[in-house]
């Protein structure tokens, strides 16, 4: 018996809308009440679904943070794509500025998203990395640098991406505690300077 693709598509769209509504409600509640002050029941009530429905989409409350992070990574990538510049340093500054802008918009959420990336439980840390795909923000740029011979240790592109992720998540985790969110942009730019000095080889001089 052939599948009713129309019904299946409608069901999938409904699930997608419900999942998005859960994330939207969680962002608002997390900002208003804090992560610890928001329960799964609160989120379910805001979307008018059952607690079990929320768990159908997310295995634990903090997994919603990971979904928020995946959404924000997409927004940051779009921001960087709109502001591409020739300088490697400036391209990384654009990413840093995009990250800082998101953190300033969601100060009660972003540091907790970063903590999922560095969570001591390896299963949660792996879930966050797989879902958020954070290194993708840097990989295309690093690929271009490696192809142009500007990346020190070209075979270490993956470790360079990991270093950028670690520098960024470290700053995000500390934001709001070790220093105010308003200083995050300069903190991230300082990390860019640190990375560029150590990982980027000078561009070859043009041939005469």
Protein backbone atom coordinates (compact mmCIF):
# COMPACT_ATOMS: atom_id res chain seq x y z
CA UNK A 1 0.00 0.00 0.00
CA UNK A 2 1.45 3.37 -1.05
CA UNK A 3 2.17 5.95 1.65
CA UNK A 4 0.03 9.07 1.76
CA UNK A 5 2.87 11.53 1.20
CA UNK A 6 0.53 14.50 1.65
CA UNK A 7 -0.49 13.34 5.12
CA UNK A 8 3.13 12.51 6.03
CA UNK A 9 4.30 15.94 4.88
CA UNK A 10 1.56 17.66 6.88
CA UNK A 11 2.49 15.67 9.97
CA UNK A 12 6.17 16.52 9.57
CA UNK A 13 5.39 20.23 9.18
CA UNK A 14 3.23 20.12 12.30
CA UNK A 15 6.04 18.47 14.25
CA UNK A 16 8.52 21.06 12.99
CA UNK A 17 6.22 23.93 14.01
CA UNK A 18 5.67 22.38 17.44
CA UNK A 19 9.40 21.89 17.98
CA UNK A 20 10.08 25.49 16.95
CA UNK A 21 7.32 26.74 19.27
CA UNK A 22 8.90 24.86 22.18
CA UNK A 23 12.28 26.46 21.45
CA UNK A 24 10.72 29.94 21.09
CA UNK A 25 8.92 29.58 24.41
CA UNK A 26 12.05 28.26 26.12
CA UNK A 27 14.15 31.23 24.96
CA UNK A 28 11.64 33.67 26.41
CA UNK A 29 11.23 31.79 29.69
CA UNK A 30 14.96 31.21 30.13
CA UNK A 31 15.60 34.94 29.68
CA UNK A 32 12.79 35.92 32.03
CA UNK A 33 13.26 33.34 34.79
CA UNK A 34 16.70 31.84 34.25
CA UNK A 35 17.52 28.26 33.29
CA UNK A 36 17.17 26.88 36.81
CA UNK A 37 13.97 28.85 37.38
CA UNK A 38 12.28 27.35 34.32
CA UNK A 39 10.91 23.82 34.39
CA UNK A 40 9.91 21.58 31.50
CA UNK A 41 6.36 21.94 32.81
CA UNK A 42 6.64 25.73 32.40
CA UNK A 43 7.75 25.34 28.80
CA UNK A 44 5.02 22.81 28.04
CA UNK A 45 2.37 25.09 29.55
CA UNK A 46 3.58 28.05 27.48
CA UNK A 47 3.12 26.03 24.27
CA UNK A 48 -0.06 24.29 25.48
CA UNK A 49 1.39 20.78 25.15
CA UNK A 50 2.08 18.05 27.66
CA UNK A 51 5.37 17.55 29.49
CA UNK A 52 5.70 14.23 27.64
CA UNK A 53 5.44 16.04 24.30
CA UNK A 54 8.41 18.23 25.18
CA UNK A 55 10.43 15.12 26.02
CA UNK A 56 9.40 13.59 22.69
CA UNK A 57 11.53 16.28 21.06
CA UNK A 58 14.25 16.84 23.66
CA UNK A 59 15.78 14.16 25.93
CA UNK A 60 16.39 16.64 28.79
CA UNK A 61 15.73 20.32 29.46
CA UNK A 62 19.24 21.47 28.60
CA UNK A 63 18.93 19.83 25.18
CA UNK A 64 16.64 22.75 24.34
CA UNK A 65 19.65 25.00 25.01
CA UNK A 66 21.55 23.00 22.41
CA UNK A 67 18.74 23.56 19.92
CA UNK A 68 18.85 27.28 20.70
CA UNK A 69 22.60 27.15 20.13
CA UNK A 70 22.15 25.47 16.74
CA UNK A 71 19.75 28.22 15.73
CA UNK A 72 22.15 30.93 16.90
CA UNK A 73 25.09 29.37 15.06
CA UNK A 74 23.03 29.65 11.87
CA UNK A 75 22.34 33.32 12.58
CA UNK A 76 26.02 34.03 13.27
CA UNK A 77 27.06 32.28 10.04
CA UNK A 78 24.55 34.40 8.10
CA UNK A 79 25.87 37.57 9.77
CA UNK A 80 29.46 36.70 8.82
CA UNK A 81 28.47 35.87 5.23
CA UNK A 82 26.95 39.34 4.85
CA UNK A 83 30.14 41.03 6.06
CA UNK A 84 32.90 39.13 4.28
CA UNK A 85 36.15 41.06 4.00
CA UNK A 86 39.57 40.28 2.55
CA UNK A 87 41.56 40.30 5.78
CA UNK A 88 41.67 37.03 7.72
CA UNK A 89 41.74 38.95 10.98
CA UNK A 90 38.76 41.07 9.95
CA UNK A 91 36.78 37.99 8.86
CA UNK A 92 37.36 36.48 12.29
CA UNK A 93 36.45 39.80 13.90
CA UNK A 94 33.15 39.67 11.99
CA UNK A 95 32.42 36.25 13.47
CA UNK A 96 33.42 37.50 16.93
CA UNK A 97 31.16 40.52 16.57
CA UNK A 98 28.26 38.33 15.46
CA UNK A 99 28.73 36.05 18.47
CA UNK A 100 28.97 39.02 20.84
CA UNK A 101 25.83 40.56 19.34
CA UNK A 102 23.86 37.35 19.92
CA UNK A 103 25.17 37.11 23.50
CA UNK A 104 24.14 40.71 24.18
CA UNK A 105 20.66 39.94 22.87
CA UNK A 106 20.31 36.76 24.96
CA UNK A 107 22.55 37.29 28.02
CA UNK A 108 20.61 34.83 30.16
CA UNK A 109 20.88 32.00 27.63
CA UNK A 110 24.12 32.13 25.63
CA UNK A 111 26.57 31.39 28.50
CA UNK A 112 24.52 28.29 29.35
CA UNK A 113 24.56 27.19 25.72
CA UNK A 114 28.37 27.44 25.83
CA UNK A 115 28.43 25.35 29.02
CA UNK A 116 26.71 22.52 27.17
CA UNK A 117 29.62 22.62 24.70
CA UNK A 118 32.04 22.12 27.60
CA UNK A 119 29.87 19.90 29.82
CA UNK A 120 31.78 17.33 31.92
CA UNK A 121 29.42 14.57 30.79
CA UNK A 122 30.92 13.35 27.46
CA UNK A 123 27.51 12.23 26.18
CA UNK A 124 26.03 15.70 26.64
CA UNK A 125 29.16 17.35 25.26
CA UNK A 126 29.02 15.14 22.15
CA UNK A 127 25.29 15.79 21.71
CA UNK A 128 25.92 19.54 21.81
CA UNK A 129 28.80 19.34 19.34
CA UNK A 130 26.87 17.13 16.90
CA UNK A 131 23.74 19.27 16.98
CA UNK A 132 25.30 22.73 17.00
CA UNK A 133 28.11 22.11 14.47
CA UNK A 134 29.94 25.11 15.90
CA UNK A 135 33.23 24.48 14.00
CA UNK A 136 31.41 25.11 10.72
CA UNK A 137 31.69 28.83 11.47
CA UNK A 138 35.44 28.58 10.95
CA UNK A 139 36.02 25.62 8.63
CA UNK A 140 35.41 27.34 5.28
CA UNK A 141 37.78 30.17 6.22
CA UNK A 142 40.44 27.73 7.42
CA UNK A 143 40.08 25.63 4.25
CA UNK A 144 40.73 28.75 2.16
CA UNK A 145 43.77 29.66 4.25
CA UNK A 146 45.18 26.14 3.97
CA UNK A 147 44.71 26.18 0.19
CA UNK A 148 46.51 29.53 -0.02
CA UNK A 149 49.38 28.30 2.14
CA UNK A 150 48.59 30.79 4.91
CA UNK A 151 47.78 28.29 7.64
CA UNK A 152 50.66 27.12 9.80
CA UNK A 153 50.53 23.33 9.94
CA UNK A 154 47.98 22.86 7.15
CA UNK A 155 47.32 19.28 8.23
CA UNK A 156 46.12 20.62 11.60
CA UNK A 157 43.08 22.46 10.21
CA UNK A 158 40.72 20.50 12.46
CA UNK A 159 42.74 21.33 15.57
CA UNK A 160 42.81 25.00 14.53
CA UNK A 161 39.00 24.96 14.28
CA UNK A 162 38.85 23.29 17.67
CA UNK A 163 41.13 25.97 19.13
CA UNK A 164 38.84 28.72 17.85
CA UNK A 165 35.81 26.94 19.30
CA UNK A 166 37.56 26.51 22.66
CA UNK A 167 38.64 30.15 22.79
CA UNK A 168 35.13 31.31 21.97
CA UNK A 169 33.22 28.99 24.29
CA UNK A 170 35.63 29.79 27.12
CA UNK A 171 34.88 33.49 26.77
CA UNK A 172 31.13 32.84 26.55
CA UNK A 173 31.11 30.70 29.69
CA UNK A 174 32.89 33.46 31.64
CA UNK A 175 30.76 36.29 30.24
CA UNK A 176 28.52 37.84 32.87
CA UNK A 177 30.60 36.39 35.70
CA UNK A 178 34.30 37.13 35.19
CA UNK A 179 33.54 40.19 33.09
CA UNK A 180 30.36 41.96 31.90
CA UNK A 181 28.63 40.92 28.68
CA UNK A 182 29.37 44.40 27.32
CA UNK A 183 33.09 43.47 27.26
CA UNK A 184 32.58 40.21 25.38
CA UNK A 185 33.22 41.75 21.97
CA UNK A 186 36.67 43.00 22.97
CA UNK A 187 37.43 39.68 24.73
CA UNK A 188 36.57 37.71 21.59
CA UNK A 189 38.58 40.07 19.40
CA UNK A 190 41.59 39.63 21.70
CA UNK A 191 41.23 35.86 21.22
CA UNK A 192 41.19 36.40 17.46
CA UNK A 193 44.45 38.34 17.73
CA UNK A 194 45.96 35.52 19.77
CA UNK A 195 44.90 32.92 17.21
CA UNK A 196 46.03 34.90 14.16
CA UNK A 197 49.49 35.54 15.60
CA UNK A 198 50.02 31.83 16.28
CA UNK A 199 48.24 30.08 13.41
CA UNK A 200 48.29 32.34 10.37
CA UNK A 201 51.38 32.65 8.22
CA UNK A 202 52.01 35.99 6.50
CA UNK A 203 50.52 36.22 3.02
CA UNK A 204 53.16 35.62 0.35
CA UNK A 205 54.52 38.76 -1.26
CA UNK A 206 53.26 39.33 -4.80
CA UNK A 207 55.73 38.30 -7.47
CA UNK A 208 57.36 41.13 -9.37
